[in-house]
Amino acid sequence: MSAMQFFNRLGSVGLGVALAGGVVNSALYNVDGGHRAVIFDRFTGIKKQIVGEGTHFFIPWVQRPIIFDIRSRPRNVPVITGSKDLQNVNITLRILFRPVPDELPKIYTVLGNDYEERVLPSITTEVLKAVVAQFDAGELITQRDLVSQKVSDALTDRASQFGVILDDISITHLTFGKEFTQAVELKQVAQQEAEKARFLVEKAEQTKKATVVSAEGDAQAAILLAKAFGDAGEGLVELRRIEAAEDIAYQLSRSRQVAYLPTGQNLLLNVPTPAN
């Protein structure tokens, strides 16, 4: 009998004794939903088998289960890098990641249980520095979708080399250095002042045009009045006086403080008063 067979037989006997003695919990372990387990054996190392959800047996002292969460989890990775025009860029990437279940034995052997701490910050910094360096500071704002797509493609490819799946990658924070921010603010102020000046010029032009149109209208009206006077004599003036007097009389008659219409020329008409 080989040494391996001996220890396996010994583990089986120990398990039977444990079960007979009622000590069941020492040889059982649970894998919750959304988790997987790999078994570390003292004699054979990490087993290739992936243990799914449920309750399972293991050999006390000889074997040890290692539980992995295979659900998507978020992680924010902040990076400070430089743009193509040498501007400082503060960028934060939000990543939803999870391990490839079939790669769990390799992940534990090479990286350990805290694989995300060893992999995600380093590859995210590497990819962001490479992608951001391809764009100017202005392009990082105007072409944000393209930048995000390039980062997503490159980072997904790098993470797959470590057995990690990235379900979602998004840029949540993007700011620039103090000098660049001040330059942008000054540029915005200058553009606003230029827009204001252009508006004032356009307003003055419109006012000038309105004045010209009004003057032309007054001149045309004067020409028409002169022609009317030439054709009708003073009849037009008398007609306008009668219309004005009629309107004034109507307004005075509606007033509570006027009991009679005044005589004389106050109504623009020289109407004679009747003799007593």
C-alpha atoms as a PDB file:
ATOM      1  CA  MET A   1       0.000   0.000   0.000  1.00  0.00           C
ATOM      2  CA  SER A   2       1.384   3.396  -0.981  1.00  0.00           C
ATOM      3  CA  ALA A   3       1.684   6.296   1.451  1.00  0.00           C
ATOM      4  CA  MET A   4      -1.069   8.182  -0.346  1.00  0.00           C
ATOM      5  CA  GLN A   5      -3.502   5.300  -0.127  1.00  0.00           C
ATOM      6  CA  PHE A   6      -2.611   4.881   3.519  1.00  0.00           C
ATOM      7  CA  PHE A   7      -3.420   8.495   4.389  1.00  0.00           C
ATOM      8  CA  ASN A   8      -6.614   8.423   2.362  1.00  0.00           C
ATOM      9  CA  ARG A   9      -7.664   5.271   4.217  1.00  0.00           C
ATOM     10  CA  LEU A  10      -6.692   6.971   7.457  1.00  0.00           C
ATOM     11  CA  GLY A  11      -8.784   9.991   6.563  1.00  0.00           C
ATOM     12  CA  SER A  12     -11.747   7.785   5.732  1.00  0.00           C
ATOM     13  CA  VAL A  13     -11.425   5.997   9.057  1.00  0.00           C
ATOM     14  CA  GLY A  14     -11.154   9.330  10.856  1.00  0.00           C
ATOM     15  CA  LEU A  15     -14.239  10.556   9.076  1.00  0.00           C
ATOM     16  CA  GLY A  16     -16.163   7.416  10.031  1.00  0.00           C
ATOM     17  CA  VAL A  17     -15.105   7.796  13.648  1.00  0.00           C
ATOM     18  CA  ALA A  18     -16.091  11.472  13.578  1.00  0.00           C
ATOM     19  CA  LEU A  19     -19.507  10.635  12.150  1.00  0.00           C
ATOM     20  CA  ALA A  20     -20.010   7.811  14.654  1.00  0.00           C
ATOM     21  CA  GLY A  21     -19.068  10.113  17.506  1.00  0.00           C
ATOM     22  CA  GLY A  22     -21.519  12.764  16.353  1.00  0.00           C
ATOM     23  CA  VAL A  23     -18.851  15.314  15.440  1.00  0.00           C
ATOM     24  CA  VAL A  24     -20.337  16.020  11.979  1.00  0.00           C
ATOM     25  CA  ASN A  25     -19.469  19.723  11.624  1.00  0.00           C
ATOM     26  CA  SER A  26     -15.727  19.039  11.679  1.00  0.00           C
ATOM     27  CA  ALA A  27     -15.969  17.088   8.378  1.00  0.00           C
ATOM     28  CA  LEU A  28     -18.578  19.245   6.579  1.00  0.00           C
ATOM     29  CA  TYR A  29     -18.459  22.632   4.906  1.00  0.00           C
ATOM     30  CA  ASN A  30     -21.009  24.735   3.099  1.00  0.00           C
ATOM     31  CA  VAL A  31     -20.672  26.575  -0.203  1.00  0.00           C
ATOM     32  CA  ASP A  32     -23.250  29.356  -0.366  1.00  0.00           C
ATOM     33  CA  GLY A  33     -25.009  30.604  -3.480  1.00  0.00           C
ATOM     34  CA  GLY A  34     -22.768  32.615  -5.767  1.00  0.00           C
ATOM     35  CA  HIS A  35     -19.646  30.941  -4.348  1.00  0.00           C
ATOM     36  CA  ARG A  36     -17.307  28.149  -5.345  1.00  0.00           C
ATOM     37  CA  ALA A  37     -14.670  26.208  -3.435  1.00  0.00           C
ATOM     38  CA  VAL A  38     -11.345  24.610  -4.179  1.00  0.00           C
ATOM     39  CA  ILE A  39      -9.761  21.984  -1.944  1.00  0.00           C
ATOM     40  CA  PHE A  40      -6.229  22.187  -0.645  1.00  0.00           C
ATOM     41  CA  ASP A  41      -4.819  18.767   0.184  1.00  0.00           C
ATOM     42  CA  ARG A  42      -1.720  18.497   2.350  1.00  0.00           C
ATOM     43  CA  PHE A  43      -0.333  15.705   0.194  1.00  0.00           C
ATOM     44  CA  THR A  44      -1.483  16.558  -3.348  1.00  0.00           C
ATOM     45  CA  GLY A  45      -1.824  20.346  -3.175  1.00  0.00           C
ATOM     46  CA  ILE A  46      -4.678  22.256  -4.823  1.00  0.00           C
ATOM     47  CA  LYS A  47      -7.133  19.871  -6.444  1.00  0.00           C
ATOM     48  CA  LYS A  48      -8.362  20.592  -9.970  1.00  0.00           C
ATOM     49  CA  GLN A  49     -11.983  19.943  -9.046  1.00  0.00           C
ATOM     50  CA  ILE A  50     -14.281  22.947  -8.525  1.00  0.00           C
ATOM     51  CA  VAL A  51     -16.796  22.414  -5.718  1.00  0.00           C
ATOM     52  CA  GLY A  52     -20.228  23.925  -6.334  1.00  0.00           C
ATOM     53  CA  GLU A  53     -22.966  25.133  -3.994  1.00  0.00           C
ATOM     54  CA  GLY A  54     -24.199  22.934  -1.172  1.00  0.00           C
ATOM     55  CA  THR A  55     -22.845  20.956   1.763  1.00  0.00           C
ATOM     56  CA  HIS A  56     -19.759  18.806   1.177  1.00  0.00           C
ATOM     57  CA  PHE A  57     -17.405  16.480   3.049  1.00  0.00           C
ATOM     58  CA  PHE A  58     -13.696  16.956   3.542  1.00  0.00           C
ATOM     59  CA  ILE A  59     -10.999  15.119   5.441  1.00  0.00           C
ATOM     60  CA  PRO A  60     -10.102  16.985   8.634  1.00  0.00           C
ATOM     61  CA  TRP A  61      -6.450  17.977   9.014  1.00  0.00           C
ATOM     62  CA  VAL A  62      -5.637  16.579   5.557  1.00  0.00           C
ATOM     63  CA  GLN A  63      -7.903  18.809   3.466  1.00  0.00           C
ATOM     64  CA  ARG A  64      -8.997  22.445   3.701  1.00  0.00           C
ATOM     65  CA  PRO A  65     -11.714  24.144   1.588  1.00  0.00           C
ATOM     66  CA  ILE A  66     -11.031  27.633   0.186  1.00  0.00           C
ATOM     67  CA  ILE A  67     -14.206  29.579  -0.646  1.00  0.00           C
ATOM     68  CA  PHE A  68     -14.345  32.087  -3.528  1.00  0.00           C
ATOM     69  CA  ASP A  69     -17.061  34.631  -4.262  1.00  0.00           C
ATOM     70  CA  ILE A  70     -17.800  34.403  -7.999  1.00  0.00           C
ATOM     71  CA  ARG A  71     -20.404  37.179  -8.060  1.00  0.00           C
ATOM     72  CA  SER A  72     -19.667  40.551  -9.669  1.00  0.00           C
ATOM     73  CA  ARG A  73     -18.183  43.015  -7.211  1.00  0.00           C
ATOM     74  CA  PRO A  74     -17.357  46.712  -7.694  1.00  0.00           C
ATOM     75  CA  ARG A  75     -13.981  48.316  -7.222  1.00  0.00           C
ATOM     76  CA  ASN A  76     -12.842  51.920  -7.776  1.00  0.00           C
ATOM     77  CA  VAL A  77      -9.282  52.420  -8.970  1.00  0.00           C
ATOM     78  CA  PRO A  78      -7.922  56.017  -8.965  1.00  0.00           C
ATOM     79  CA  VAL A  79      -4.975  56.802 -11.238  1.00  0.00           C
ATOM     80  CA  ILE A  80      -2.908  59.942 -11.839  1.00  0.00           C
ATOM     81  CA  THR A  81      -1.385  60.044 -15.309  1.00  0.00           C
ATOM     82  CA  GLY A  82      -0.461  62.428 -18.133  1.00  0.00           C
ATOM     83  CA  SER A  83      -2.191  63.319 -21.395  1.00  0.00           C
ATOM     84  CA  LYS A  84      -0.645  63.664 -24.833  1.00  0.00           C
ATOM     85  CA  ASP A  85      -0.095  67.405 -24.275  1.00  0.00           C
ATOM     86  CA  LEU A  86       1.555  66.724 -20.883  1.00  0.00           C
ATOM     87  CA  GLN A  87      -1.394  67.732 -18.709  1.00  0.00           C
ATOM     88  CA  ASN A  88      -1.908  66.014 -15.359  1.00  0.00           C
ATOM     89  CA  VAL A  89      -5.072  63.909 -15.389  1.00  0.00           C
ATOM     90  CA  ASN A  90      -6.825  62.503 -12.316  1.00  0.00           C
ATOM     91  CA  ILE A  91      -9.027  59.646 -13.471  1.00  0.00           C
ATOM     92  CA  THR A  92     -11.034  57.064 -11.527  1.00  0.00           C
ATOM     93  CA  LEU A  93     -12.250  53.823 -13.028  1.00  0.00           C
ATOM     94  CA  ARG A  94     -15.155  51.796 -11.633  1.00  0.00           C
ATOM     95  CA  ILE A  95     -14.863  48.079 -12.392  1.00  0.00           C
ATOM     96  CA  LEU A  96     -17.305  45.205 -11.887  1.00  0.00           C
ATOM     97  CA  PHE A  97     -15.193  42.053 -11.729  1.00  0.00           C
ATOM     98  CA  ARG A  98     -15.511  38.350 -10.952  1.00  0.00           C
ATOM     99  CA  PRO A  99     -13.245  35.324 -11.323  1.00  0.00           C
ATOM    100  CA  VAL A 100     -13.611  32.664 -13.997  1.00  0.00           C
ATOM    101  CA  PRO A 101     -14.898  29.641 -11.995  1.00  0.00           C
ATOM    102  CA  ASP A 102     -12.825  27.106 -13.944  1.00  0.00           C
ATOM    103  CA  GLU A 103      -9.675  29.130 -13.277  1.00  0.00           C
ATOM    104  CA  LEU A 104     -10.041  29.187  -9.481  1.00  0.00           C
ATOM    105  CA  PRO A 105      -7.349  26.538  -8.769  1.00  0.00           C
ATOM    106  CA  LYS A 106      -4.844  28.446 -10.912  1.00  0.00           C
ATOM    107  CA  ILE A 107      -5.903  31.799  -9.433  1.00  0.00           C
ATOM    108  CA  TYR A 108      -5.359  30.533  -5.879  1.00  0.00           C
ATOM    109  CA  THR A 109      -2.062  28.874  -6.752  1.00  0.00           C
ATOM    110  CA  VAL A 110      -0.587  31.877  -8.566  1.00  0.00           C
ATOM    111  CA  LEU A 111      -2.262  34.881  -6.925  1.00  0.00           C
ATOM    112  CA  GLY A 112      -3.936  33.747  -3.714  1.00  0.00           C
ATOM    113  CA  ASN A 113      -7.349  34.424  -2.266  1.00  0.00           C
ATOM    114  CA  ASP A 114      -6.872  38.221  -2.532  1.00  0.00           C
ATOM    115  CA  TYR A 115      -6.230  38.099  -6.266  1.00  0.00           C
ATOM    116  CA  GLU A 116      -8.113  41.356  -6.950  1.00  0.00           C
ATOM    117  CA  GLU A 117      -5.685  43.309  -4.764  1.00  0.00           C
ATOM    118  CA  ARG A 118      -2.735  41.933  -6.709  1.00  0.00           C
ATOM    119  CA  VAL A 119      -4.175  42.268 -10.217  1.00  0.00           C
ATOM    120  CA  LEU A 120      -6.711  45.085 -10.636  1.00  0.00           C
ATOM    121  CA  PRO A 121      -4.705  48.143  -9.431  1.00  0.00           C
ATOM    122  CA  SER A 122      -1.636  47.238 -11.479  1.00  0.00           C
ATOM    123  CA  ILE A 123      -3.333  46.406 -14.783  1.00  0.00           C
ATOM    124  CA  THR A 124      -5.744  49.363 -14.468  1.00  0.00           C
ATOM    125  CA  THR A 125      -2.863  51.797 -13.954  1.00  0.00           C
ATOM    126  CA  GLU A 126      -0.982  50.262 -16.881  1.00  0.00           C
ATOM    127  CA  VAL A 127      -3.942  50.464 -19.288  1.00  0.00           C
ATOM    128  CA  LEU A 128      -5.036  53.965 -18.266  1.00  0.00           C
ATOM    129  CA  LYS A 129      -1.550  55.406 -18.673  1.00  0.00           C
ATOM    130  CA  ALA A 130      -1.254  53.848 -22.128  1.00  0.00           C
ATOM    131  CA  VAL A 131      -4.687  55.010 -23.354  1.00  0.00           C
ATOM    132  CA  VAL A 132      -4.739  58.511 -21.838  1.00  0.00           C
ATOM    133  CA  ALA A 133      -1.321  59.262 -23.356  1.00  0.00           C
ATOM    134  CA  GLN A 134      -2.931  58.944 -26.818  1.00  0.00           C
ATOM    135  CA  PHE A 135      -5.270  61.935 -26.297  1.00  0.00           C
ATOM    136  CA  ASP A 136      -4.944  65.637 -25.589  1.00  0.00           C
ATOM    137  CA  ALA A 137      -6.669  67.061 -22.533  1.00  0.00           C
ATOM    138  CA  GLY A 138      -9.453  68.527 -24.666  1.00  0.00           C
ATOM    139  CA  GLU A 139      -9.959  65.250 -26.512  1.00  0.00           C
ATOM    140  CA  LEU A 140     -10.368  63.395 -23.207  1.00  0.00           C
ATOM    141  CA  ILE A 141     -13.499  65.493 -22.652  1.00  0.00           C
ATOM    142  CA  THR A 142     -14.922  65.676 -26.166  1.00  0.00           C
ATOM    143  CA  GLN A 143     -14.096  62.048 -27.050  1.00  0.00           C
ATOM    144  CA  ARG A 144     -14.886  60.462 -23.707  1.00  0.00           C
ATOM    145  CA  ASP A 145     -16.841  57.579 -25.266  1.00  0.00           C
ATOM    146  CA  LEU A 146     -13.880  56.639 -27.446  1.00  0.00           C
ATOM    147  CA  VAL A 147     -11.499  56.825 -24.484  1.00  0.00           C
ATOM    148  CA  SER A 148     -13.816  54.641 -22.390  1.00  0.00           C
ATOM    149  CA  GLN A 149     -14.113  52.080 -25.197  1.00  0.00           C
ATOM    150  CA  LYS A 150     -10.334  51.840 -25.642  1.00  0.00           C
ATOM    151  CA  VAL A 151      -9.838  51.433 -21.893  1.00  0.00           C
ATOM    152  CA  SER A 152     -12.555  48.773 -21.716  1.00  0.00           C
ATOM    153  CA  ASP A 153     -11.126  46.714 -24.588  1.00  0.00           C
ATOM    154  CA  ALA A 154      -7.541  46.830 -23.354  1.00  0.00           C
ATOM    155  CA  LEU A 155      -8.401  46.212 -19.697  1.00  0.00           C
ATOM    156  CA  THR A 156     -10.731  43.304 -20.481  1.00  0.00           C
ATOM    157  CA  ASP A 157      -7.981  41.639 -22.495  1.00  0.00           C
ATOM    158  CA  ARG A 158      -5.391  42.136 -19.732  1.00  0.00           C
ATOM    159  CA  ALA A 159      -7.726  40.850 -16.994  1.00  0.00           C
ATOM    160  CA  SER A 160      -8.541  37.689 -18.958  1.00  0.00           C
ATOM    161  CA  GLN A 161      -4.873  36.719 -18.756  1.00  0.00           C
ATOM    162  CA  PHE A 162      -5.296  36.394 -14.988  1.00  0.00           C
ATOM    163  CA  GLY A 163      -8.622  34.534 -15.092  1.00  0.00           C
ATOM    164  CA  VAL A 164     -10.715  37.618 -14.209  1.00  0.00           C
ATOM    165  CA  ILE A 165     -13.894  38.681 -16.014  1.00  0.00           C
ATOM    166  CA  LEU A 166     -14.772  42.398 -16.167  1.00  0.00           C
ATOM    167  CA  ASP A 167     -18.547  42.833 -16.524  1.00  0.00           C
ATOM    168  CA  ASP A 168     -18.520  46.632 -16.633  1.00  0.00           C
ATOM    169  CA  ILE A 169     -15.919  49.382 -16.899  1.00  0.00           C
ATOM    170  CA  SER A 170     -16.762  53.067 -16.607  1.00  0.00           C
ATOM    171  CA  ILE A 171     -14.949  56.343 -16.045  1.00  0.00           C
ATOM    172  CA  THR A 172     -16.556  57.961 -13.007  1.00  0.00           C
ATOM    173  CA  HIS A 173     -14.121  60.805 -12.330  1.00  0.00           C
ATOM    174  CA  LEU A 174     -12.001  62.871 -14.719  1.00  0.00           C
ATOM    175  CA  THR A 175     -10.260  66.093 -13.682  1.00  0.00           C
ATOM    176  CA  PHE A 176      -7.151  67.977 -14.738  1.00  0.00           C
ATOM    177  CA  GLY A 177      -4.392  69.929 -13.061  1.00  0.00           C
ATOM    178  CA  LYS A 178      -4.930  73.352 -11.511  1.00  0.00           C
ATOM    179  CA  GLU A 179      -3.160  75.238 -14.317  1.00  0.00           C
ATOM    180  CA  PHE A 180      -5.225  73.601 -17.054  1.00  0.00           C
ATOM    181  CA  THR A 181      -8.473  74.182 -15.148  1.00  0.00           C
ATOM    182  CA  GLN A 182      -7.676  77.892 -14.758  1.00  0.00           C
ATOM    183  CA  ALA A 183      -6.832  78.161 -18.459  1.00  0.00           C
ATOM    184  CA  VAL A 184     -10.169  76.587 -19.379  1.00  0.00           C
ATOM    185  CA  GLU A 185     -12.032  78.965 -17.064  1.00  0.00           C
ATOM    186  CA  LEU A 186     -10.287  82.007 -18.580  1.00  0.00           C
ATOM    187  CA  LYS A 187     -11.116  80.763 -22.061  1.00  0.00           C
ATOM    188  CA  GLN A 188     -14.778  80.364 -21.120  1.00  0.00           C
ATOM    189  CA  VAL A 189     -14.896  83.888 -19.692  1.00  0.00           C
ATOM    190  CA  ALA A 190     -13.307  85.294 -22.866  1.00  0.00           C
ATOM    191  CA  GLN A 191     -15.828  83.469 -25.042  1.00  0.00           C
ATOM    192  CA  GLN A 192     -18.716  84.770 -22.946  1.00  0.00           C
ATOM    193  CA  GLU A 193     -17.413  88.339 -23.200  1.00  0.00           C
ATOM    194  CA  ALA A 194     -17.071  87.940 -26.983  1.00  0.00           C
ATOM    195  CA  GLU A 195     -20.645  86.647 -27.218  1.00  0.00           C
ATOM    196  CA  LYS A 196     -21.862  89.585 -25.137  1.00  0.00           C
ATOM    197  CA  ALA A 197     -20.021  92.094 -27.347  1.00  0.00           C
ATOM    198  CA  ARG A 198     -21.425  90.503 -30.487  1.00  0.00           C
ATOM    199  CA  PHE A 199     -24.942  90.678 -29.028  1.00  0.00           C
ATOM    200  CA  LEU A 200     -24.524  94.392 -28.254  1.00  0.00           C
ATOM    201  CA  VAL A 201     -23.309  95.061 -31.806  1.00  0.00           C
ATOM    202  CA  GLU A 202     -26.253  93.162 -33.281  1.00  0.00           C
ATOM    203  CA  LYS A 203     -28.642  95.026 -30.983  1.00  0.00           C
ATOM    204  CA  ALA A 204     -27.213  98.388 -32.089  1.00  0.00           C
ATOM    205  CA  GLU A 205     -27.563  97.374 -35.728  1.00  0.00           C
ATOM    206  CA  GLN A 206     -31.189  96.387 -35.205  1.00  0.00           C
ATOM    207  CA  THR A 207     -31.908  99.669 -33.379  1.00  0.00           C
ATOM    208  CA  LYS A 208     -30.324 101.595 -36.252  1.00  0.00           C
ATOM    209  CA  LYS A 209     -32.417  99.745 -38.811  1.00  0.00           C
ATOM    210  CA  ALA A 210     -35.574 100.332 -36.749  1.00  0.00           C
ATOM    211  CA  THR A 211     -34.806 104.085 -36.590  1.00  0.00           C
ATOM    212  CA  VAL A 212     -34.286 104.249 -40.351  1.00  0.00           C
ATOM    213  CA  VAL A 213     -37.522 102.394 -40.990  1.00  0.00           C
ATOM    214  CA  SER A 214     -39.402 104.709 -38.583  1.00  0.00           C
ATOM    215  CA  ALA A 215     -37.947 107.833 -40.239  1.00  0.00           C
ATOM    216  CA  GLU A 216     -38.842 106.520 -43.665  1.00  0.00           C
ATOM    217  CA  GLY A 217     -42.378 105.866 -42.418  1.00  0.00           C
ATOM    218  CA  ASP A 218     -42.690 109.402 -41.023  1.00  0.00           C
ATOM    219  CA  ALA A 219     -41.408 110.864 -44.300  1.00  0.00           C
ATOM    220  CA  GLN A 220     -43.890 108.824 -46.283  1.00  0.00           C
ATOM    221  CA  ALA A 221     -46.694 109.909 -43.952  1.00  0.00           C
ATOM    222  CA  ALA A 222     -45.715 113.571 -44.383  1.00  0.00           C
ATOM    223  CA  ILE A 223     -45.745 113.154 -48.172  1.00  0.00           C
ATOM    224  CA  LEU A 224     -49.209 111.607 -48.039  1.00  0.00           C
ATOM    225  CA  LEU A 225     -50.513 114.373 -45.751  1.00  0.00           C
ATOM    226  CA  ALA A 226     -49.093 117.053 -48.006  1.00  0.00           C
ATOM    227  CA  LYS A 227     -50.745 115.422 -50.996  1.00  0.00           C
ATOM    228  CA  ALA A 228     -54.059 115.178 -49.106  1.00  0.00           C
ATOM    229  CA  PHE A 229     -53.886 118.866 -48.149  1.00  0.00           C
ATOM    230  CA  GLY A 230     -53.176 119.771 -51.737  1.00  0.00           C
ATOM    231  CA  ASP A 231     -56.129 117.756 -52.990  1.00  0.00           C
ATOM    232  CA  ALA A 232     -58.733 118.513 -50.289  1.00  0.00           C
ATOM    233  CA  GLY A 233     -57.562 121.868 -48.903  1.00  0.00           C
ATOM    234  CA  GLU A 234     -58.411 122.504 -45.251  1.00  0.00           C
ATOM    235  CA  GLY A 235     -61.246 119.985 -45.275  1.00  0.00           C
ATOM    236  CA  LEU A 236     -59.022 117.222 -43.901  1.00  0.00           C
ATOM    237  CA  VAL A 237     -57.918 119.415 -40.973  1.00  0.00           C
ATOM    238  CA  GLU A 238     -61.519 120.267 -40.167  1.00  0.00           C
ATOM    239  CA  LEU A 239     -62.456 116.587 -40.302  1.00  0.00           C
ATOM    240  CA  ARG A 240     -59.693 115.705 -37.837  1.00  0.00           C
ATOM    241  CA  ARG A 241     -60.830 118.574 -35.504  1.00  0.00           C
ATOM    242  CA  ILE A 242     -64.397 117.322 -35.568  1.00  0.00           C
ATOM    243  CA  GLU A 243     -63.277 113.760 -34.791  1.00  0.00           C
ATOM    244  CA  ALA A 244     -61.094 115.008 -31.909  1.00  0.00           C
ATOM    245  CA  ALA A 245     -63.903 117.171 -30.510  1.00  0.00           C
ATOM    246  CA  GLU A 246     -66.302 114.261 -30.695  1.00  0.00           C
ATOM    247  CA  ASP A 247     -63.908 112.052 -28.779  1.00  0.00           C
ATOM    248  CA  ILE A 248     -63.273 114.688 -26.098  1.00  0.00           C
ATOM    249  CA  ALA A 249     -66.992 115.315 -25.648  1.00  0.00           C
ATOM    250  CA  TYR A 250     -67.599 111.587 -25.285  1.00  0.00           C
ATOM    251  CA  GLN A 251     -64.903 111.242 -22.623  1.00  0.00           C
ATOM    252  CA  LEU A 252     -66.195 114.287 -20.656  1.00  0.00           C
ATOM    253  CA  SER A 253     -69.761 113.006 -20.770  1.00  0.00           C
ATOM    254  CA  ARG A 254     -68.628 109.792 -19.068  1.00  0.00           C
ATOM    255  CA  SER A 255     -67.018 111.673 -16.165  1.00  0.00           C
ATOM    256  CA  ARG A 256     -69.079 111.964 -12.969  1.00  0.00           C
ATOM    257  CA  GLN A 257     -67.649 115.408 -12.168  1.00  0.00           C
ATOM    258  CA  VAL A 258     -68.781 117.083 -15.406  1.00  0.00           C
ATOM    259  CA  ALA A 259     -72.433 118.194 -15.430  1.00  0.00           C
ATOM    260  CA  TYR A 260     -72.307 120.197 -18.688  1.00  0.00           C
ATOM    261  CA  LEU A 261     -69.991 120.722 -21.607  1.00  0.00           C
ATOM    262  CA  PRO A 262     -67.960 123.945 -21.498  1.00  0.00           C
ATOM    263  CA  THR A 263     -68.541 126.633 -24.092  1.00  0.00           C
ATOM    264  CA  GLY A 264     -65.948 128.394 -26.179  1.00  0.00           C
ATOM    265  CA  GLN A 265     -63.081 126.752 -28.030  1.00  0.00           C
ATOM    266  CA  ASN A 266     -62.105 124.162 -25.421  1.00  0.00           C
ATOM    267  CA  LEU A 267     -63.430 121.341 -27.580  1.00  0.00           C
ATOM    268  CA  LEU A 268     -61.442 122.416 -30.668  1.00  0.00           C
ATOM    269  CA  LEU A 269     -64.699 123.731 -32.256  1.00  0.00           C
ATOM    270  CA  ASN A 270     -65.911 127.275 -32.339  1.00  0.00           C
ATOM    271  CA  VAL A 271     -69.543 126.354 -31.727  1.00  0.00           C
ATOM    272  CA  PRO A 272     -71.643 129.507 -31.065  1.00  0.00           C
ATOM    273  CA  THR A 273     -73.737 129.510 -27.886  1.00  0.00           C
ATOM    274  CA  PRO A 274     -77.472 130.004 -28.442  1.00  0.00           C
ATOM    275  CA  ALA A 275     -78.815 133.480 -27.715  1.00  0.00           C
ATOM    276  CA  ASN A 276     -81.053 133.950 -24.695  1.00  0.00           C
END
